[in-house]
Protein backbone atom coordinates (compact mmCIF):
# COMPACT_ATOMS: atom_id res chain seq x y z
CA MET A 1 5.15 13.77 -13.85
CA ALA A 2 8.13 12.74 -11.75
CA LYS A 3 7.57 11.09 -8.38
CA LEU A 4 7.62 13.59 -5.55
CA THR A 5 9.41 13.04 -2.25
CA VAL A 6 9.10 14.55 1.21
CA ALA A 7 12.30 16.49 0.48
CA ALA A 8 10.66 17.88 -2.67
CA LEU A 9 7.69 19.11 -0.61
CA GLN A 10 10.08 20.83 1.78
CA GLN A 11 11.78 22.49 -1.20
CA MET A 12 8.38 23.74 -2.38
CA LYS A 13 8.11 25.77 0.84
CA ARG A 14 11.54 27.28 0.28
CA ASP A 15 10.55 28.13 -3.30
CA GLY A 16 7.28 29.72 -2.17
CA LYS A 17 5.14 27.10 -3.95
CA LYS A 18 1.91 25.99 -2.29
CA ILE A 19 1.41 22.29 -1.57
CA ALA A 20 -1.94 20.86 -2.69
CA ALA A 21 -3.08 17.87 -0.65
CA MET A 22 -6.20 15.75 -0.28
CA VAL A 23 -7.31 12.77 1.78
CA ALA A 24 -8.20 9.47 0.08
CA TYR A 25 -8.91 6.01 1.43
CA GLU A 26 -8.99 3.73 -1.62
CA TYR A 27 -7.53 3.03 -5.05
CA ASN A 28 -9.92 4.83 -7.39
CA MET A 29 -10.05 8.16 -5.57
CA ALA A 30 -6.28 8.09 -5.09
CA LYS A 31 -5.79 7.45 -8.81
CA ILE A 32 -8.07 10.38 -9.68
CA LEU A 33 -6.32 12.76 -7.26
CA ASP A 34 -2.87 11.70 -8.46
CA LYS A 35 -3.75 12.23 -12.12
CA ALA A 36 -5.29 15.61 -11.21
CA GLY A 37 -1.93 16.77 -9.84
CA ALA A 38 -2.01 16.27 -6.06
CA ASP A 39 1.33 16.88 -4.37
CA LEU A 40 0.38 14.87 -1.29
CA ILE A 41 -2.31 12.24 -0.73
CA SER A 42 -3.07 11.37 2.88
CA VAL A 43 -4.76 8.21 4.11
CA GLY A 44 -6.70 9.60 7.05
CA ASP A 45 -7.87 7.78 10.15
CA SER A 46 -11.21 9.45 9.40
CA VAL A 47 -11.80 6.44 7.12
CA GLY A 48 -13.47 4.73 10.08
CA MET A 49 -16.26 7.28 10.37
CA ARG A 50 -16.55 8.23 6.69
CA PHE A 51 -16.27 4.80 5.06
CA LEU A 52 -16.69 2.10 7.68
CA GLY A 53 -19.66 3.40 9.64
CA GLN A 54 -17.76 3.79 12.88
CA VAL A 55 -19.07 6.21 15.49
CA THR A 56 -15.78 7.83 16.62
CA HIS A 57 -12.22 8.38 15.39
CA TYR A 58 -10.96 6.14 18.18
CA GLU A 59 -12.26 2.91 16.60
CA THR A 60 -10.03 2.81 13.52
CA THR A 61 -7.48 -0.03 13.69
CA MET A 62 -3.95 -0.49 12.40
CA GLU A 63 -5.13 -3.27 10.10
CA GLN A 64 -7.71 -0.95 8.52
CA MET A 65 -5.12 1.80 8.03
CA ILE A 66 -2.61 -0.59 6.47
CA GLN A 67 -5.17 -2.01 4.04
CA CYS A 68 -6.35 1.45 2.96
CA CYS A 69 -2.80 2.76 2.67
CA TYR A 70 -1.76 -0.16 0.49
CA ALA A 71 -4.71 0.46 -1.84
CA VAL A 72 -3.77 4.14 -2.16
CA THR A 73 -0.07 3.52 -2.76
CA GLN A 74 -0.95 1.02 -5.49
CA ALA A 75 -2.70 3.85 -7.35
CA VAL A 76 -0.25 6.72 -6.89
CA GLU A 77 2.59 7.47 -9.28
CA HIS A 78 3.36 11.14 -8.53
CA ALA A 79 2.20 12.34 -5.10
CA VAL A 80 3.76 11.64 -1.73
CA VAL A 81 1.57 9.25 0.28
CA ASN A 82 1.08 9.83 3.99
CA CYS A 83 -0.75 7.47 6.33
CA ASP A 84 -2.18 8.42 9.72
CA LEU A 85 -1.31 6.48 12.82
CA PRO A 86 -4.67 5.57 14.38
CA PHE A 87 -5.51 6.24 18.01
CA GLY A 88 -3.66 3.81 20.26
CA PRO A 89 0.00 3.28 19.29
CA ILE A 90 0.98 6.89 19.99
CA GLN A 91 -0.79 6.91 23.34
CA GLU A 92 0.93 3.64 24.32
CA GLY A 93 4.37 5.26 24.08
CA PRO A 94 7.24 5.91 21.66
CA ASP A 95 8.21 2.26 21.20
CA SER A 96 4.66 1.32 20.24
CA ALA A 97 4.45 4.33 17.91
CA VAL A 98 7.66 3.30 16.13
CA ARG A 99 6.47 -0.27 15.67
CA ALA A 100 3.20 0.97 14.22
CA ALA A 101 4.95 3.45 11.93
CA ILE A 102 7.22 0.70 10.62
CA ARG A 103 4.15 -1.41 9.81
CA LEU A 104 2.58 1.46 7.84
CA VAL A 105 5.79 1.81 5.83
CA LYS A 106 6.51 -1.91 5.30
CA GLU A 107 2.97 -3.24 4.85
CA GLY A 108 1.11 -0.14 3.66
CA ARG A 109 4.03 1.36 1.68
CA ALA A 110 3.51 4.79 3.26
CA GLU A 111 6.20 7.39 2.59
CA MET A 112 5.34 9.48 5.65
CA VAL A 113 3.24 8.93 8.76
CA LYS A 114 1.06 11.41 10.60
CA VAL A 115 1.16 11.77 14.37
CA ASP A 116 -2.01 13.38 15.69
CA GLY A 117 -1.72 15.27 18.94
CA ALA A 118 1.98 15.63 18.20
CA ALA A 119 2.48 18.49 20.66
CA GLU A 120 1.42 16.19 23.49
CA ASN A 121 3.58 13.35 22.16
CA PRO A 122 6.92 14.86 21.03
CA GLU A 123 8.85 11.75 22.04
CA ALA A 124 6.80 9.70 19.58
CA VAL A 125 7.71 12.20 16.84
CA ARG A 126 11.37 12.05 17.85
CA ALA A 127 11.43 8.24 17.99
CA ILE A 128 9.74 7.75 14.61
CA ALA A 129 11.99 10.33 12.94
CA ARG A 130 15.03 8.67 14.53
CA ALA A 131 13.88 5.41 12.93
CA GLY A 132 14.22 7.12 9.54
CA ILE A 133 10.50 7.63 8.86
CA PRO A 134 9.30 11.14 7.91
CA VAL A 135 6.68 12.49 10.32
CA TRP A 136 3.76 14.74 9.44
CA ALA A 137 3.04 16.22 12.86
CA GLN A 138 -0.58 17.26 13.37
CA PHE A 139 -1.40 19.74 16.08
CA GLY A 140 -3.68 22.68 16.75
CA PHE A 141 -7.32 21.91 17.54
CA THR A 142 -8.06 18.46 16.13
CA PRO A 143 -11.11 16.25 16.76
CA GLN A 144 -8.99 13.97 18.95
CA THR A 145 -7.32 16.70 21.02
CA THR A 146 -10.12 19.19 21.77
CA GLN A 147 -12.10 17.32 24.39
CA GLN A 148 -10.72 19.59 27.14
CA PHE A 149 -12.48 22.51 25.42
CA GLY A 150 -15.77 20.68 24.93
CA GLY A 151 -15.14 19.22 21.48
CA PHE A 152 -14.06 20.28 18.00
CA GLU A 153 -16.94 22.71 17.43
CA SER A 154 -16.32 24.52 20.73
CA ILE A 155 -13.09 26.26 19.68
CA THR A 156 -13.66 30.02 19.60
CA ASP A 157 -11.52 32.87 18.29
CA ASP A 158 -10.75 33.82 21.89
CA ILE A 159 -9.41 30.34 22.61
CA ARG A 160 -7.29 30.48 19.46
CA ALA A 161 -5.88 33.92 20.32
CA LYS A 162 -4.90 32.82 23.82
CA MET A 163 -3.14 29.76 22.40
CA LYS A 164 -1.20 31.55 19.63
CA ASP A 165 2.18 31.82 21.38
CA THR A 166 1.84 28.27 22.71
CA LEU A 167 1.11 26.90 19.24
CA VAL A 168 4.12 28.68 17.71
CA SER A 169 6.33 27.33 20.50
CA GLN A 170 4.95 23.83 19.96
CA ALA A 171 5.77 24.04 16.25
CA LYS A 172 9.38 25.01 16.97
CA MET A 173 9.67 22.20 19.50
CA LEU A 174 8.27 19.61 17.06
CA GLU A 175 10.57 20.76 14.27
CA GLU A 176 13.50 20.27 16.64
CA ALA A 177 12.12 16.80 17.47
CA GLY A 178 12.44 15.84 13.82
CA ALA A 179 9.06 16.51 12.20
CA SER A 180 9.21 16.81 8.39
CA MET A 181 5.92 18.68 7.93
CA PHE A 182 3.02 20.08 9.93
CA ASP A 183 -0.74 19.68 9.64
CA CYS A 184 -2.19 22.59 11.58
CA THR A 185 -5.93 22.35 12.16
CA ASN A 186 -8.64 24.82 13.15
CA VAL A 187 -6.29 27.63 14.21
CA GLY A 188 -7.37 30.33 11.75
CA ASN A 189 -5.37 32.06 9.03
CA GLU A 190 -3.41 34.48 11.26
CA ILE A 191 -2.02 31.78 13.53
CA VAL A 192 -1.19 29.34 10.75
CA GLY A 193 0.70 32.16 9.03
CA ALA A 194 2.66 32.88 12.20
CA ILE A 195 3.55 29.21 12.53
CA ALA A 196 4.59 28.96 8.87
CA LYS A 197 6.97 31.91 9.35
CA ALA A 198 8.42 30.47 12.56
CA VAL A 199 9.57 27.11 11.12
CA SER A 200 11.52 25.95 8.08
CA ILE A 201 9.33 22.94 7.22
CA PRO A 202 5.99 23.07 5.37
CA VAL A 203 2.87 23.93 7.36
CA LEU A 204 -0.34 22.71 5.73
CA GLY A 205 -3.67 24.07 6.84
CA GLY A 206 -6.59 21.79 7.44
CA PHE A 207 -10.08 22.81 8.50
CA ASN A 208 -10.49 26.52 9.31
CA THR A 209 -7.05 27.79 8.36
CA GLY A 210 -6.31 29.81 5.22
CA PRO A 211 -3.92 30.92 2.47
CA ALA A 212 -1.15 31.97 4.87
CA ALA A 213 -0.25 28.27 5.23
CA ASP A 214 2.31 26.65 2.93
CA GLY A 215 -0.49 24.55 1.46
CA ARG A 216 -3.92 23.13 2.17
CA VAL A 217 -5.35 19.68 2.80
CA THR A 218 -8.99 18.62 2.71
CA VAL A 219 -10.95 15.38 2.57
CA SER A 220 -11.68 14.63 -1.08
CA TYR A 221 -14.97 12.86 -0.38
CA GLY A 222 -16.38 15.88 1.43
CA TYR A 223 -15.15 18.23 -1.28
CA VAL A 224 -16.85 16.33 -4.10
CA GLY A 225 -19.95 15.53 -2.05
CA TYR A 226 -19.58 11.76 -1.88
CA ASP A 227 -21.67 11.38 1.26
CA GLY A 228 -24.79 9.28 1.56
CA ASN A 229 -26.06 11.46 4.41
CA ARG A 230 -25.92 14.64 2.29
CA ILE A 231 -27.54 13.66 -1.00
CA ASP A 232 -29.67 16.80 -1.12
CA ALA A 233 -27.09 19.15 0.40
CA GLU A 234 -25.65 22.17 -1.39
CA PRO A 235 -22.15 21.53 -2.77
CA ARG A 236 -19.19 23.00 -0.95
CA ARG A 237 -17.72 26.12 -2.52
CA GLY A 238 -15.89 24.99 -5.63
CA GLY A 239 -17.04 21.42 -5.13
CA ILE A 240 -19.85 19.26 -6.48
CA ASN A 241 -22.44 16.80 -5.14
CA VAL A 242 -21.45 13.38 -6.45
CA ALA A 243 -23.94 11.71 -4.10
CA LYS A 244 -26.84 13.43 -5.87
CA THR A 245 -25.50 12.46 -9.31
CA ILE A 246 -25.11 8.83 -8.28
CA SER A 247 -28.53 8.76 -6.61
CA ASP A 248 -30.24 10.13 -9.70
CA ALA A 249 -28.40 7.71 -12.00
CA VAL A 250 -29.15 4.56 -10.02
CA SER A 251 -32.76 5.63 -9.36
CA GLY A 252 -33.20 5.83 -13.12
CA TYR A 253 -31.68 2.39 -13.50
CA PHE A 254 -33.94 0.88 -10.83
CA ALA A 255 -36.97 2.41 -12.57
CA SER A 256 -35.91 0.94 -15.93
CA VAL A 257 -35.54 -2.50 -14.38
CA ARG A 258 -39.02 -2.29 -12.89
CA ASP A 259 -40.70 -1.13 -16.08
CA GLY A 260 -38.77 -3.54 -18.30
CA THR A 261 -36.77 -0.95 -20.27
CA ALA A 262 -33.30 -1.63 -18.79
CA ALA A 263 -30.58 -2.14 -21.40
CA PRO A 264 -29.55 -5.78 -21.81
């Protein structure tokens, strides 16, 4: 398969083709996703909580993001690779955001960078795009931007409905600022569809969106059940429980070591 570009993803929207995206943090998962046909692989700042044992999204550092992004880009031959800007550079101002974005591109080899809370930081989007770096602008109701409502799980349908016109206006504003794509989170299918119709760039739906988006993105590790805290959990719809498979396999190995039957 030929290497995709951000421009190719934008053309997919114009052609009515859905964009399939997943989050990965390291070489092996990225290689698997790429060979499976991912259009976009995103190195998420959720790596801190999912892989590094951190308590909040705010703890992830630039150095961690760069290292993970480099590992992913080493594996990928087809998909576009995005890397999230962690909490900090964006909040420090446009100049700091540009410096951080340049590091993700130069040291991590990212092809696009994600700005979370983009609607509250349009100047960061504008500055990064002006520097020649494609921006995946994330907005909606994200874990980092929902504290005013009481947290990510507190967003109700009533809150979404009241915010619909605002969210559409924010999307138009961010497209004008230079965003190349959108990651719209937790807004529901109706609103993500309205946003997708209002702008000319791709709108991908994250958690709690739907098929009206121009594509979908999910965390690969959650989808396949690679989670040490959910070994006995039911698989997600369409997914599997890799944690249970691994647990059963290594338990059998440990037993064979203890009873002397392990293969040499």
